[in-house]
Protein backbone atom coordinates (compact mmCIF):
# COMPACT_ATOMS: atom_id res chain seq x y z
CA MET A 1 -9.87 17.86 -9.12
CA LYS A 2 -10.57 14.19 -8.88
CA ASN A 3 -8.52 11.43 -8.15
CA ALA A 4 -7.05 10.06 -11.61
CA MET A 5 -8.00 6.63 -12.26
CA PRO A 6 -5.41 4.03 -11.75
CA MET A 7 -4.67 1.87 -14.95
CA PRO A 8 -3.53 -1.53 -14.77
CA PRO A 9 0.14 -1.40 -15.60
CA MET A 10 1.16 -3.25 -18.47
CA ALA A 11 1.31 -6.34 -17.78
CA GLN A 12 -1.41 -7.04 -16.15
CA VAL A 13 -5.00 -8.29 -18.33
CA GLN A 14 -7.13 -6.26 -18.92
CA TRP A 15 -11.14 -7.37 -19.50
CA GLN A 16 -14.39 -5.81 -20.06
CA ILE A 17 -16.96 -6.86 -17.66
CA GLN A 18 -19.22 -8.28 -19.99
CA ASP A 19 -16.00 -10.71 -21.05
CA ALA A 20 -14.86 -10.67 -17.35
CA LYS A 21 -18.28 -12.20 -16.91
CA ASN A 22 -18.88 -14.60 -19.55
CA LYS A 23 -14.85 -16.18 -18.82
CA PHE A 24 -14.97 -16.15 -15.30
CA SER A 25 -13.08 -19.09 -14.48
CA GLN A 26 -10.07 -18.19 -16.58
CA VAL A 27 -10.11 -14.69 -15.47
CA VAL A 28 -9.77 -16.58 -11.55
CA LYS A 29 -7.23 -19.22 -12.50
CA ALA A 30 -4.48 -16.19 -14.84
CA ALA A 31 -5.71 -14.49 -10.93
CA ALA A 32 -4.44 -17.59 -8.92
CA GLY A 33 -1.60 -17.59 -11.18
CA GLY A 34 -0.16 -14.69 -10.14
CA VAL A 35 -1.25 -11.73 -12.83
CA ALA A 36 -3.53 -9.47 -11.27
CA GLN A 37 -6.86 -9.32 -13.56
CA TRP A 38 -8.47 -5.63 -14.54
CA VAL A 39 -11.73 -5.12 -14.73
CA THR A 40 -12.82 -2.41 -16.50
CA VAL A 41 -16.61 -0.71 -17.07
CA HIS A 42 -17.14 1.99 -19.92
CA GLY A 43 -13.36 1.41 -20.42
CA LYS A 44 -12.44 2.64 -16.74
CA PRO A 45 -10.69 0.25 -14.18
CA THR A 46 -13.12 -0.97 -11.71
CA ALA A 47 -12.10 -4.21 -9.71
CA VAL A 48 -9.15 -5.86 -9.90
CA VAL A 49 -8.76 -9.98 -9.65
CA LEU A 50 -6.04 -11.23 -7.08
CA SER A 51 -4.12 -14.08 -6.29
CA VAL A 52 -5.46 -14.83 -1.96
CA SER A 53 -1.67 -15.01 -1.83
CA GLU A 54 -1.31 -11.11 -3.60
CA TYR A 55 -3.98 -10.29 -1.61
CA SER A 56 -2.83 -11.76 1.68
CA LYS A 57 0.33 -9.28 1.02
CA LEU A 58 -1.78 -6.08 0.39
CA GLN A 59 -3.59 -6.79 3.97
CA GLU A 60 -0.22 -7.73 5.82
CA ALA A 61 0.47 -4.65 3.98
CA MET A 62 -1.98 -2.03 5.14
CA LYS A 63 -1.29 -3.34 8.91
CA PRO A 64 -1.08 -0.67 11.28
CA LYS A 65 2.33 -0.29 12.61
CA LEU A 66 3.68 0.86 15.79
CA SER A 67 3.17 4.54 16.94
CA LEU A 68 6.17 6.61 17.73
CA ASN A 69 4.64 5.93 21.70
CA GLU A 70 4.13 1.99 21.30
CA ALA A 71 7.70 1.91 19.83
CA LEU A 72 9.01 4.25 22.80
CA LEU A 73 7.85 1.78 25.00
CA CYS A 74 8.61 -1.71 23.62
CA PRO A 75 11.08 -2.67 25.24
CA GLY A 76 13.61 -5.23 23.48
CA LEU A 77 12.53 -3.68 20.20
CA ILE A 78 16.24 -2.12 19.67
CA SER A 79 19.25 -4.24 20.78
CA ASP A 80 21.27 -2.07 22.96
CA GLU A 81 24.27 -2.16 19.83
CA GLU A 82 21.46 -0.26 17.68
CA GLN A 83 20.61 3.07 19.57
CA ILE A 84 19.15 5.61 18.52
CA VAL A 85 20.37 9.04 18.75
CA PHE A 86 18.71 12.01 18.14
CA GLU A 87 20.19 15.27 17.90
CA ARG A 88 19.50 18.58 17.27
CA ASP A 89 19.43 20.58 14.58
CA ARG A 90 21.30 23.29 15.49
CA SER A 91 21.06 25.28 12.54
CA VAL A 92 17.35 26.01 13.42
CA SER A 93 17.04 29.37 16.28
CA THR A 94 15.39 28.58 19.33
CA HIS A 95 15.16 32.34 20.05
CA ARG A 96 11.91 32.80 20.86
CA ASP A 97 11.75 37.06 22.11
CA TRP A 98 8.56 37.18 20.51
CA LEU A 99 6.78 35.81 23.29
CA PRO A 100 6.06 37.87 26.67
């Protein structure tokens, strides 16, 4: 089964492709004002016009985060007051009688 196409939230504006082409400056001005402009082709959401600031936020959110190895090797990531405590879940048995 294909992933469902995302639908624009009710607060967003939706344009048919031909209307978006004919009123492109209006689409861009509205997007620059902070309201995402959804463009549809044959009734299906196909593209979104965003302001530069909204696009930058998305790009920032997509930047890779530190891996666990990188975090553990990064001195000063956590202050001495914010120590991480790892505890073993004792409800899970570590008995391995199935091993030779």
